[in-house]
Amino acid sequence: MGSSVRELAGATPATRDRYVDLLRVASLGAVVLGHWLMAAVTPDGVGNLLAVVPALQPLTWLLQVMPVFFFVGGFSHALSYRSLLRKRPEGPEGAEGAERPEGSEGSVYSAFLRARLQRLLRPTMVFVLVWGAAALLVQLLGGGGGLTGVTLRMVTQPLWFIGIYLAMVAFTPPLLRLHERYGWGAFAGLAGAAVAVDVLRFAAGVPYVEFLNFAFVWLAVHQLGFLRADGRIRRPALLAGAGLVTATALVAFGPYPLSMVGMPGEKVSNMAPPTLALLCHGLWLVGAVELLRAPAARLLERPRVWRTVVAANGVAMTAFLWHLTAMFGVYGAMLALDVELPAPASAAWWAQVPLRIALAAALTAGLVAAFRTFERPVAAAPGATGATGAGPLAALGATLCLLGVLGLSMVGFGGLLDGRTALLIAIPVSAPAAVAMTLGGWLLVERAGRGTGVRAGVQRP
């Protein structure tokens, strides 16, 4: 791997925005570290350190960095989709400006989805199938209680992020067109919709309307990535200041909690579903990271630093998928060896934190070594142009993937033999059904993406 990383780093085009790659790795790394720190595991169950020590909740204003990842996603999706549009076949005589072949737009869309979903879903499906088989075996043998049962329920929870990201990929073409026509107005429209949802939720008490903000809030953050791609975030300090002041005011005087991550037992969460406060939090984070762009770019010019970022990008999704597995593995080993688990937030607990994180990192590295091959991108092969119905077929597949991944994040692998379900948009979904939807959706996207005549290419790291 060392030689390939060196080759990839050395072949980096001068035009590549290396800072975006750093933000992608750093944001996922912060989420992993946050999960490892917040888990308060005892022999009686799993709690949340932020609930044990509420004074630590302001740290979530730094560690809740998922908005940065979705912002980076918007930037990357804009560049990738525009690149595919430029590469699509010309008219019958190949002349510039000639009429495009029928179905060309759908071919570009399906090729775009296929290229994006390959890198995302290949490691995800391996994770899901390995854990599904392990969960079934454990429950057939009569296990599934204690920490094992908790692990089976919780290990899939981070998949919500992949489900939301799938939605962003699927909506990129229409939202990019809105951005190109209205610029900041497109972002303002999504942000205004998020405001309206929270007004209906908190002031008018309209039931279930809050779930619309899973789309409005995260797609608004994604839209900021489009603005970044076109160089239209020119006053990051103003963006950061406005976001921070507004988020602070909303938490201080509104119905929003202090924590920017979900807390057990809370009546209102800023995360599930997302709130206006979380959107403002995202604004301040985006402004803050843009302010650091110039010094970070100078740092990334150093070959050793850039090679580290390239290497980390090549395994980031695999590490994210398996980091909770490693964490629960460490705690399980400690319980099996009768190692004392101190009371959360006690002096002994804090003293044990470096050891637990080091062990979790080492186990994650081992899992990455075992599964990293599935994260390697696969170049799409060209075929016949203008595949009929490719666009709608790809859209249907992406929808099934989205619903399947979100359903699995909610239901987990506990209670497989008991038919355990969770509500997904008012519909009960079991783990087997969620896996089937995801696999079926992926196959549809693969079928639509083949034979489009559009070479998606590979963008690494």
Protein backbone atom coordinates (compact mmCIF):
# COMPACT_ATOMS: atom_id res chain seq x y z
CA MET A 1 0.00 0.00 0.00
CA GLY A 2 2.89 2.37 0.74
CA SER A 3 4.07 2.45 -2.89
CA SER A 4 0.53 3.00 -4.24
CA VAL A 5 -0.03 5.84 -1.80
CA ARG A 6 3.25 7.41 -2.85
CA GLU A 7 2.27 7.07 -6.52
CA LEU A 8 -1.19 8.53 -5.94
CA ALA A 9 0.24 11.44 -3.95
CA GLY A 10 2.86 12.10 -6.59
CA ALA A 11 0.28 12.04 -9.39
CA THR A 12 -1.98 14.62 -7.71
CA PRO A 13 -2.91 17.33 -10.23
CA ALA A 14 -1.83 20.84 -9.33
CA THR A 15 -5.46 21.95 -9.65
CA ARG A 16 -6.75 19.55 -6.96
CA ASP A 17 -8.11 21.16 -3.82
CA ARG A 18 -6.19 19.18 -1.23
CA TYR A 19 -7.86 20.95 1.66
CA VAL A 20 -11.18 19.29 0.79
CA ASP A 21 -9.53 15.88 1.14
CA LEU A 22 -8.15 16.88 4.53
CA LEU A 23 -11.59 18.04 5.68
CA ARG A 24 -13.12 14.73 4.60
CA VAL A 25 -10.64 12.72 6.66
CA ALA A 26 -10.65 15.09 9.63
CA SER A 27 -14.44 15.17 9.90
CA LEU A 28 -14.79 11.39 9.87
CA GLY A 29 -11.89 11.11 12.34
CA ALA A 30 -13.58 13.56 14.70
CA VAL A 31 -16.80 11.52 14.61
CA VAL A 32 -14.92 8.32 15.40
CA LEU A 33 -13.04 9.92 18.28
CA GLY A 34 -16.25 11.48 19.59
CA HIS A 35 -18.02 8.10 19.64
CA TRP A 36 -15.12 6.49 21.48
CA LEU A 37 -15.06 9.28 24.06
CA MET A 38 -18.82 9.52 24.62
CA ALA A 39 -19.45 5.82 25.17
CA ALA A 40 -19.93 5.15 28.88
CA VAL A 41 -19.97 1.34 29.08
CA THR A 42 -20.55 -0.45 32.37
CA PRO A 43 -21.42 -4.08 33.14
CA ASP A 44 -25.06 -2.92 33.29
CA GLY A 45 -25.21 -1.31 29.87
CA VAL A 46 -24.10 1.56 27.64
CA GLY A 47 -24.66 5.20 28.49
CA ASN A 48 -23.57 8.58 27.20
CA LEU A 49 -20.81 10.54 28.90
CA LEU A 50 -22.53 13.81 27.96
CA ALA A 51 -25.57 12.74 29.97
CA VAL A 52 -23.38 11.81 32.94
CA VAL A 53 -21.48 15.11 32.77
CA PRO A 54 -23.77 17.72 31.15
CA ALA A 55 -21.04 20.35 31.54
CA LEU A 56 -19.23 18.64 28.65
CA GLN A 57 -22.06 19.24 26.18
CA PRO A 58 -20.52 22.48 24.78
CA LEU A 59 -17.78 20.25 23.34
CA THR A 60 -20.34 19.03 20.80
CA TRP A 61 -20.08 22.47 19.15
CA LEU A 62 -16.60 21.38 18.11
CA LEU A 63 -16.95 17.59 17.81
CA GLN A 64 -20.27 17.51 15.90
CA VAL A 65 -18.62 17.90 12.51
CA MET A 66 -20.97 15.96 10.25
CA PRO A 67 -21.99 19.28 8.63
CA VAL A 68 -18.40 19.63 7.42
CA PHE A 69 -18.51 16.20 5.79
CA PHE A 70 -21.77 16.97 4.00
CA PHE A 71 -20.38 20.36 2.94
CA VAL A 72 -17.35 18.60 1.43
CA GLY A 73 -19.74 16.17 -0.24
CA GLY A 74 -21.52 19.02 -1.99
CA PHE A 75 -18.21 20.35 -3.30
CA SER A 76 -17.14 16.94 -4.62
CA HIS A 77 -20.52 16.12 -6.13
CA ALA A 78 -20.64 19.39 -8.05
CA LEU A 79 -17.21 18.78 -9.57
CA SER A 80 -17.92 15.13 -10.35
CA TYR A 81 -21.29 15.69 -12.00
CA ARG A 82 -20.05 18.60 -14.08
CA SER A 83 -17.10 16.50 -15.21
CA LEU A 84 -19.47 13.77 -16.41
CA LEU A 85 -21.59 16.32 -18.26
CA ARG A 86 -18.51 17.48 -20.14
CA LYS A 87 -17.62 13.88 -21.06
CA ARG A 88 -21.04 12.80 -22.33
CA PRO A 89 -21.23 11.87 -26.00
CA GLU A 90 -21.72 14.60 -28.58
CA GLY A 91 -24.35 14.63 -31.30
CA PRO A 92 -24.47 12.19 -34.23
CA GLU A 93 -21.59 13.89 -36.01
CA GLY A 94 -19.58 14.58 -32.88
CA ALA A 95 -19.70 18.32 -33.47
CA GLU A 96 -19.58 20.63 -30.54
CA GLY A 97 -22.98 22.12 -29.90
CA ALA A 98 -24.75 19.35 -31.82
CA GLU A 99 -27.91 17.88 -30.36
CA ARG A 100 -27.23 15.39 -27.57
CA PRO A 101 -28.39 11.81 -28.03
CA GLU A 102 -31.75 10.96 -26.54
CA GLY A 103 -31.32 9.70 -23.00
CA SER A 104 -27.93 11.38 -22.60
CA GLU A 105 -28.96 13.23 -19.43
CA GLY A 106 -30.25 10.02 -17.84
CA SER A 107 -27.04 8.24 -18.80
CA VAL A 108 -24.95 10.89 -17.06
CA TYR A 109 -27.15 10.67 -13.96
CA SER A 110 -26.96 6.87 -13.79
CA ALA A 111 -23.19 6.90 -14.35
CA PHE A 112 -22.83 9.52 -11.61
CA LEU A 113 -24.89 7.46 -9.15
CA ARG A 114 -23.05 4.26 -9.98
CA ALA A 115 -19.62 5.81 -9.51
CA ARG A 116 -20.59 7.42 -6.18
CA LEU A 117 -22.45 4.42 -4.80
CA GLN A 118 -19.69 1.95 -5.64
CA ARG A 119 -17.22 3.68 -3.34
CA LEU A 120 -19.88 4.04 -0.64
CA LEU A 121 -21.89 0.82 -0.80
CA ARG A 122 -19.22 -1.80 -1.49
CA PRO A 123 -17.61 -1.46 1.97
CA THR A 124 -21.04 -0.86 3.53
CA MET A 125 -22.56 -4.05 2.15
CA VAL A 126 -19.56 -6.10 3.27
CA PHE A 127 -20.00 -4.63 6.76
CA VAL A 128 -23.73 -5.39 6.72
CA LEU A 129 -23.36 -8.96 5.45
CA VAL A 130 -20.55 -9.84 7.88
CA TRP A 131 -22.48 -8.44 10.84
CA GLY A 132 -25.75 -10.01 9.66
CA ALA A 133 -24.18 -13.45 9.48
CA ALA A 134 -22.51 -13.00 12.86
CA ALA A 135 -25.74 -11.80 14.47
CA LEU A 136 -27.71 -14.73 13.10
CA LEU A 137 -25.11 -17.21 14.34
CA VAL A 138 -25.00 -15.66 17.80
CA GLN A 139 -28.78 -15.76 18.15
CA LEU A 140 -29.07 -19.30 16.80
CA LEU A 141 -26.63 -20.33 19.53
CA GLY A 142 -28.84 -18.69 22.16
CA GLY A 143 -26.75 -15.53 22.67
CA GLY A 144 -27.66 -11.92 22.22
CA GLY A 145 -27.92 -10.73 25.81
CA GLY A 146 -25.84 -8.24 27.80
CA LEU A 147 -23.19 -6.26 25.94
CA THR A 148 -23.58 -8.55 22.91
CA GLY A 149 -27.22 -7.58 22.56
CA VAL A 150 -26.37 -3.90 22.93
CA THR A 151 -23.69 -4.25 20.26
CA LEU A 152 -26.09 -5.94 17.84
CA ARG A 153 -28.53 -3.06 18.26
CA MET A 154 -26.05 -0.18 18.17
CA VAL A 155 -23.38 -1.23 15.69
CA THR A 156 -25.52 -0.19 12.71
CA GLN A 157 -26.56 3.22 14.07
CA PRO A 158 -23.84 5.20 12.21
CA LEU A 159 -25.40 3.98 8.94
CA TRP A 160 -27.87 6.89 9.18
CA PHE A 161 -25.06 9.08 7.90
CA ILE A 162 -24.64 6.91 4.80
CA GLY A 163 -28.40 7.02 4.17
CA ILE A 164 -28.43 10.83 4.29
CA TYR A 165 -25.36 10.94 2.05
CA LEU A 166 -27.11 8.70 -0.48
CA ALA A 167 -29.97 11.22 -0.60
CA MET A 168 -27.48 14.02 -1.27
CA VAL A 169 -25.95 12.08 -4.16
CA ALA A 170 -29.39 11.34 -5.62
CA PHE A 171 -30.54 14.98 -5.43
CA THR A 172 -27.30 16.49 -6.73
CA PRO A 173 -28.39 17.12 -10.36
CA PRO A 174 -31.62 19.07 -9.66
CA LEU A 175 -30.13 20.97 -6.73
CA LEU A 176 -27.03 21.82 -8.76
CA ARG A 177 -29.28 23.27 -11.46
CA LEU A 178 -31.04 25.37 -8.81
CA HIS A 179 -27.68 26.54 -7.54
CA GLU A 180 -26.51 27.50 -11.00
CA ARG A 181 -29.65 29.55 -11.52
CA TYR A 182 -30.12 31.14 -8.09
CA GLY A 183 -26.78 30.78 -6.24
CA TRP A 184 -27.20 31.79 -2.61
CA GLY A 185 -30.94 31.99 -3.25
CA ALA A 186 -31.14 28.19 -3.57
CA PHE A 187 -29.46 27.82 -0.18
CA ALA A 188 -31.77 30.48 1.27
CA GLY A 189 -34.79 28.57 -0.02
CA LEU A 190 -33.75 25.36 1.74
CA ALA A 191 -32.82 27.25 4.92
CA GLY A 192 -36.17 29.07 4.83
CA ALA A 193 -37.96 25.74 4.51
CA ALA A 194 -36.07 24.52 7.61
CA VAL A 195 -37.21 27.64 9.50
CA ALA A 196 -40.81 27.03 8.44
CA VAL A 197 -40.66 23.43 9.60
CA ASP A 198 -39.43 24.41 13.06
CA VAL A 199 -42.09 27.14 13.34
CA LEU A 200 -44.79 24.61 12.48
CA ARG A 201 -43.25 22.13 14.88
CA PHE A 202 -42.69 24.29 17.95
CA ALA A 203 -45.17 27.14 17.54
CA ALA A 204 -48.09 25.40 15.85
CA GLY A 205 -47.55 21.88 17.17
CA VAL A 206 -48.00 20.25 13.77
CA PRO A 207 -47.19 16.53 14.22
CA TYR A 208 -44.53 14.76 12.17
CA VAL A 209 -43.57 17.88 10.20
CA GLU A 210 -40.15 17.89 11.90
CA PHE A 211 -39.01 14.92 9.83
CA LEU A 212 -38.93 17.12 6.72
CA ASN A 213 -35.83 18.73 8.17
CA PHE A 214 -33.83 15.59 7.53
CA ALA A 215 -33.98 16.86 3.95
CA PHE A 216 -34.04 20.64 4.34
CA VAL A 217 -31.25 21.01 6.91
CA TRP A 218 -28.76 18.55 5.43
CA LEU A 219 -29.43 19.54 1.82
CA ALA A 220 -28.90 23.19 2.78
CA VAL A 221 -25.48 22.29 4.18
CA HIS A 222 -24.80 20.28 1.01
CA GLN A 223 -25.74 23.37 -1.02
CA LEU A 224 -22.92 25.28 0.70
CA GLY A 225 -20.54 22.83 -0.95
CA PHE A 226 -21.84 23.93 -4.37
CA LEU A 227 -21.16 27.54 -3.40
CA ARG A 228 -17.65 26.56 -2.32
CA ALA A 229 -17.06 24.82 -5.66
CA ASP A 230 -17.87 28.06 -7.48
CA GLY A 231 -15.81 30.22 -5.15
CA ARG A 232 -18.85 32.03 -3.81
CA ILE A 233 -18.08 31.79 -0.08
CA ARG A 234 -16.13 35.03 -0.02
CA ARG A 235 -16.73 36.13 3.58
CA PRO A 236 -16.20 33.05 5.76
CA ALA A 237 -15.76 35.14 8.91
CA LEU A 238 -19.22 36.64 8.40
CA LEU A 239 -20.68 33.19 7.78
CA ALA A 240 -19.05 31.75 10.89
CA GLY A 241 -20.04 34.69 13.07
CA ALA A 242 -23.65 34.75 11.91
CA GLY A 243 -24.00 31.00 12.37
CA LEU A 244 -22.45 31.01 15.83
CA VAL A 245 -24.45 34.01 17.11
CA THR A 246 -27.72 32.65 15.74
CA ALA A 247 -27.14 29.14 17.07
CA THR A 248 -26.27 30.56 20.49
CA ALA A 249 -29.41 32.70 20.53
CA LEU A 250 -31.62 29.80 19.47
CA VAL A 251 -30.25 27.59 22.26
CA ALA A 252 -30.40 30.37 24.86
CA PHE A 253 -33.90 31.64 24.09
CA GLY A 254 -35.56 28.93 22.04
CA PRO A 255 -36.69 25.34 22.53
CA TYR A 256 -33.36 23.88 21.37
CA PRO A 257 -31.04 21.84 23.63
CA LEU A 258 -27.39 22.74 24.17
CA SER A 259 -25.99 19.48 22.80
CA MET A 260 -25.51 19.25 19.05
CA VAL A 261 -25.73 15.45 19.25
CA GLY A 262 -28.64 13.34 20.42
CA MET A 263 -29.00 12.74 24.15
CA PRO A 264 -30.81 9.78 25.74
CA GLY A 265 -34.27 10.63 27.01
CA GLU A 266 -34.39 14.22 25.73
CA LYS A 267 -37.70 15.54 24.42
CA VAL A 268 -36.04 17.60 21.69
CA SER A 269 -32.91 16.61 19.82
CA ASN A 270 -30.92 18.86 17.51
CA MET A 271 -29.93 15.80 15.50
CA ALA A 272 -32.89 13.50 15.06
CA PRO A 273 -34.56 15.17 13.33
CA PRO A 274 -32.20 18.08 12.59
CA THR A 275 -33.22 21.54 13.75
CA LEU A 276 -32.60 25.11 12.72
CA ALA A 277 -30.05 25.29 15.54
CA LEU A 278 -28.05 22.49 13.92
CA LEU A 279 -28.20 24.27 10.55
CA CYS A 280 -26.76 27.42 12.16
CA HIS A 281 -24.13 25.25 13.83
CA GLY A 282 -23.25 23.96 10.38
CA LEU A 283 -22.91 27.53 9.08
CA TRP A 284 -20.41 28.45 11.76
CA LEU A 285 -18.40 25.28 11.20
CA VAL A 286 -18.25 25.85 7.44
CA GLY A 287 -17.16 29.44 7.96
CA ALA A 288 -14.56 28.34 10.51
CA VAL A 289 -12.97 25.70 8.29
CA GLU A 290 -12.90 28.14 5.37
CA LEU A 291 -10.95 30.58 7.54
CA LEU A 292 -8.33 27.86 8.04
CA ARG A 293 -8.06 27.11 4.34
CA ALA A 294 -4.91 29.11 3.51
CA PRO A 295 -2.64 27.85 6.32
CA ALA A 296 -3.88 24.29 5.82
CA ALA A 297 -3.14 24.50 2.07
CA ARG A 298 0.45 25.48 2.83
CA LEU A 299 0.78 22.54 5.21
CA LEU A 300 -0.60 20.13 2.60
CA GLU A 301 2.12 21.12 0.16
CA ARG A 302 4.53 19.07 2.26
CA PRO A 303 4.87 15.63 0.61
CA ARG A 304 4.75 13.64 3.86
CA VAL A 305 1.62 15.41 5.08
CA TRP A 306 -0.14 14.96 1.75
CA ARG A 307 0.78 11.27 1.60
CA THR A 308 -0.79 10.82 5.04
CA VAL A 309 -4.01 12.45 3.85
CA VAL A 310 -4.04 10.28 0.70
CA ALA A 311 -3.55 7.11 2.74
CA ALA A 312 -6.27 8.07 5.22
CA ASN A 313 -8.74 8.92 2.46
CA GLY A 314 -8.25 5.48 0.97
CA VAL A 315 -9.57 3.75 4.10
CA ALA A 316 -11.70 6.43 5.81
CA MET A 317 -15.08 4.86 5.06
CA THR A 318 -13.92 1.41 6.14
CA ALA A 319 -12.61 2.80 9.42
CA PHE A 320 -15.87 4.68 10.00
CA LEU A 321 -17.96 1.56 9.40
CA TRP A 322 -15.97 -0.65 11.75
CA HIS A 323 -14.98 1.76 14.55
CA LEU A 324 -17.93 0.86 16.81
CA THR A 325 -17.20 -2.83 16.26
CA ALA A 326 -13.68 -2.19 17.53
CA MET A 327 -14.91 -0.17 20.49
CA PHE A 328 -17.38 -2.82 21.63
CA GLY A 329 -14.74 -5.46 21.01
CA VAL A 330 -12.40 -3.71 23.43
CA TYR A 331 -15.08 -3.41 26.11
CA GLY A 332 -16.13 -7.02 25.57
CA ALA A 333 -12.55 -8.22 25.99
CA MET A 334 -12.18 -6.18 29.17
CA LEU A 335 -15.33 -7.72 30.64
CA ALA A 336 -14.23 -11.21 29.59
CA LEU A 337 -10.86 -10.68 31.29
CA ASP A 338 -12.53 -9.27 34.44
CA VAL A 339 -10.87 -5.90 33.94
CA GLU A 340 -12.66 -3.35 36.09
CA LEU A 341 -14.77 -0.80 34.24
CA PRO A 342 -14.76 2.30 36.46
CA ALA A 343 -17.83 4.49 36.92
CA PRO A 344 -18.13 6.85 33.95
CA ALA A 345 -16.49 10.26 34.48
CA SER A 346 -14.68 9.10 37.62
CA ALA A 347 -10.96 9.75 37.98
CA ALA A 348 -10.23 6.08 37.27
CA TRP A 349 -12.45 6.21 34.18
CA TRP A 350 -10.58 9.21 32.77
CA ALA A 351 -7.25 7.55 33.53
CA GLN A 352 -8.35 4.53 31.49
CA VAL A 353 -9.45 6.59 28.47
CA PRO A 354 -6.05 6.67 26.66
CA LEU A 355 -5.70 2.89 26.94
CA ARG A 356 -9.21 2.22 25.66
CA ILE A 357 -8.79 4.58 22.71
CA ALA A 358 -5.38 3.11 21.84
CA LEU A 359 -6.83 -0.42 21.88
CA ALA A 360 -9.87 0.63 19.84
CA ALA A 361 -7.59 2.34 17.31
CA ALA A 362 -5.40 -0.75 17.03
CA LEU A 363 -8.40 -3.04 16.54
CA THR A 364 -9.88 -0.65 13.98
CA ALA A 365 -6.57 -0.73 12.10
CA GLY A 366 -6.76 -4.52 12.02
CA LEU A 367 -10.31 -4.43 10.68
CA VAL A 368 -9.29 -1.86 8.07
CA ALA A 369 -6.44 -4.12 6.96
CA ALA A 370 -8.94 -6.97 6.55
CA PHE A 371 -11.64 -5.03 4.67
CA ARG A 372 -9.96 -2.06 2.99
CA THR A 373 -9.86 -3.75 -0.42
CA PHE A 374 -13.63 -3.22 -0.75
CA GLU A 375 -13.18 0.55 -0.56
CA ARG A 376 -10.97 0.71 -3.62
CA PRO A 377 -12.79 2.50 -6.43
CA VAL A 378 -13.76 0.67 -9.60
CA ALA A 379 -13.68 2.52 -12.90
CA ALA A 380 -16.87 2.31 -14.92
CA ALA A 381 -16.47 0.72 -18.33
CA PRO A 382 -17.93 2.53 -21.33
CA GLY A 383 -20.66 0.95 -23.37
CA ALA A 384 -23.48 1.87 -25.71
CA THR A 385 -24.67 5.46 -25.53
CA GLY A 386 -28.02 6.69 -24.34
CA ALA A 387 -29.29 3.71 -22.34
CA THR A 388 -33.09 3.94 -22.40
CA GLY A 389 -34.62 4.50 -18.98
CA ALA A 390 -31.25 4.64 -17.24
CA GLY A 391 -32.10 7.76 -15.24
CA PRO A 392 -35.41 6.56 -13.69
CA LEU A 393 -33.96 3.10 -13.02
CA ALA A 394 -30.97 4.62 -11.22
CA ALA A 395 -33.27 6.93 -9.22
CA LEU A 396 -35.39 3.97 -8.12
CA GLY A 397 -32.29 2.05 -7.10
CA ALA A 398 -30.93 4.98 -5.11
CA THR A 399 -34.27 5.35 -3.32
CA LEU A 400 -34.28 1.69 -2.31
CA CYS A 401 -30.68 1.98 -1.08
CA LEU A 402 -31.57 5.06 0.93
CA LEU A 403 -34.57 3.45 2.60
CA GLY A 404 -32.73 0.19 3.24
CA VAL A 405 -29.70 1.81 4.86
CA LEU A 406 -31.81 4.14 7.01
CA GLY A 407 -34.04 1.24 8.05
CA LEU A 408 -31.05 -0.86 9.06
CA SER A 409 -29.57 2.01 11.07
CA MET A 410 -32.81 2.11 13.07
CA VAL A 411 -33.58 -1.57 13.58
CA GLY A 412 -30.07 -3.02 14.06
CA PHE A 413 -29.33 -6.73 14.15
CA GLY A 414 -30.82 -7.52 17.55
CA GLY A 415 -33.91 -9.72 17.62
CA LEU A 416 -33.40 -11.20 14.17
CA LEU A 417 -35.12 -14.46 15.14
CA ASP A 418 -37.94 -12.59 16.88
CA GLY A 419 -38.83 -10.49 13.86
CA ARG A 420 -37.83 -7.20 15.46
CA THR A 421 -38.84 -4.14 13.42
CA ALA A 422 -38.47 -0.36 13.54
CA LEU A 423 -40.70 2.31 12.02
CA LEU A 424 -39.37 3.90 8.85
CA ILE A 425 -41.76 6.59 7.61
CA ALA A 426 -44.60 4.86 9.48
CA ILE A 427 -43.76 1.47 7.91
CA PRO A 428 -42.33 -1.38 10.07
CA VAL A 429 -39.00 -2.55 8.64
CA SER A 430 -37.01 -5.60 9.74
CA ALA A 431 -33.28 -6.06 9.32
CA PRO A 432 -33.63 -8.70 6.54
CA ALA A 433 -36.03 -6.43 4.63
CA ALA A 434 -33.66 -3.47 4.99
CA VAL A 435 -30.72 -5.53 3.70
CA ALA A 436 -32.82 -6.78 0.77
CA MET A 437 -33.85 -3.22 -0.17
CA THR A 438 -30.26 -2.03 -0.08
CA LEU A 439 -28.96 -4.90 -2.18
CA GLY A 440 -31.81 -4.64 -4.65
CA GLY A 441 -31.35 -0.91 -5.00
CA TRP A 442 -27.64 -1.26 -5.56
CA LEU A 443 -28.20 -3.85 -8.30
CA LEU A 444 -30.60 -1.47 -10.04
CA VAL A 445 -28.06 1.35 -9.92
CA GLU A 446 -25.37 -0.97 -11.26
CA ARG A 447 -27.62 -2.08 -14.12
CA ALA A 448 -28.56 1.50 -15.00
CA GLY A 449 -24.96 2.69 -14.81
CA ARG A 450 -23.58 0.07 -17.17
CA GLY A 451 -23.72 0.66 -20.87
CA THR A 452 -24.27 4.42 -20.59
CA GLY A 453 -21.31 5.43 -22.71
CA VAL A 454 -20.17 7.78 -19.94
CA ARG A 455 -16.86 6.98 -18.32
CA ALA A 456 -17.21 7.96 -14.66
CA GLY A 457 -13.52 7.68 -13.99
CA VAL A 458 -11.94 7.52 -10.57
CA GLN A 459 -11.24 10.46 -8.35
CA ARG A 460 -8.84 9.72 -5.58
CA PRO A 461 -7.96 10.01 -2.84
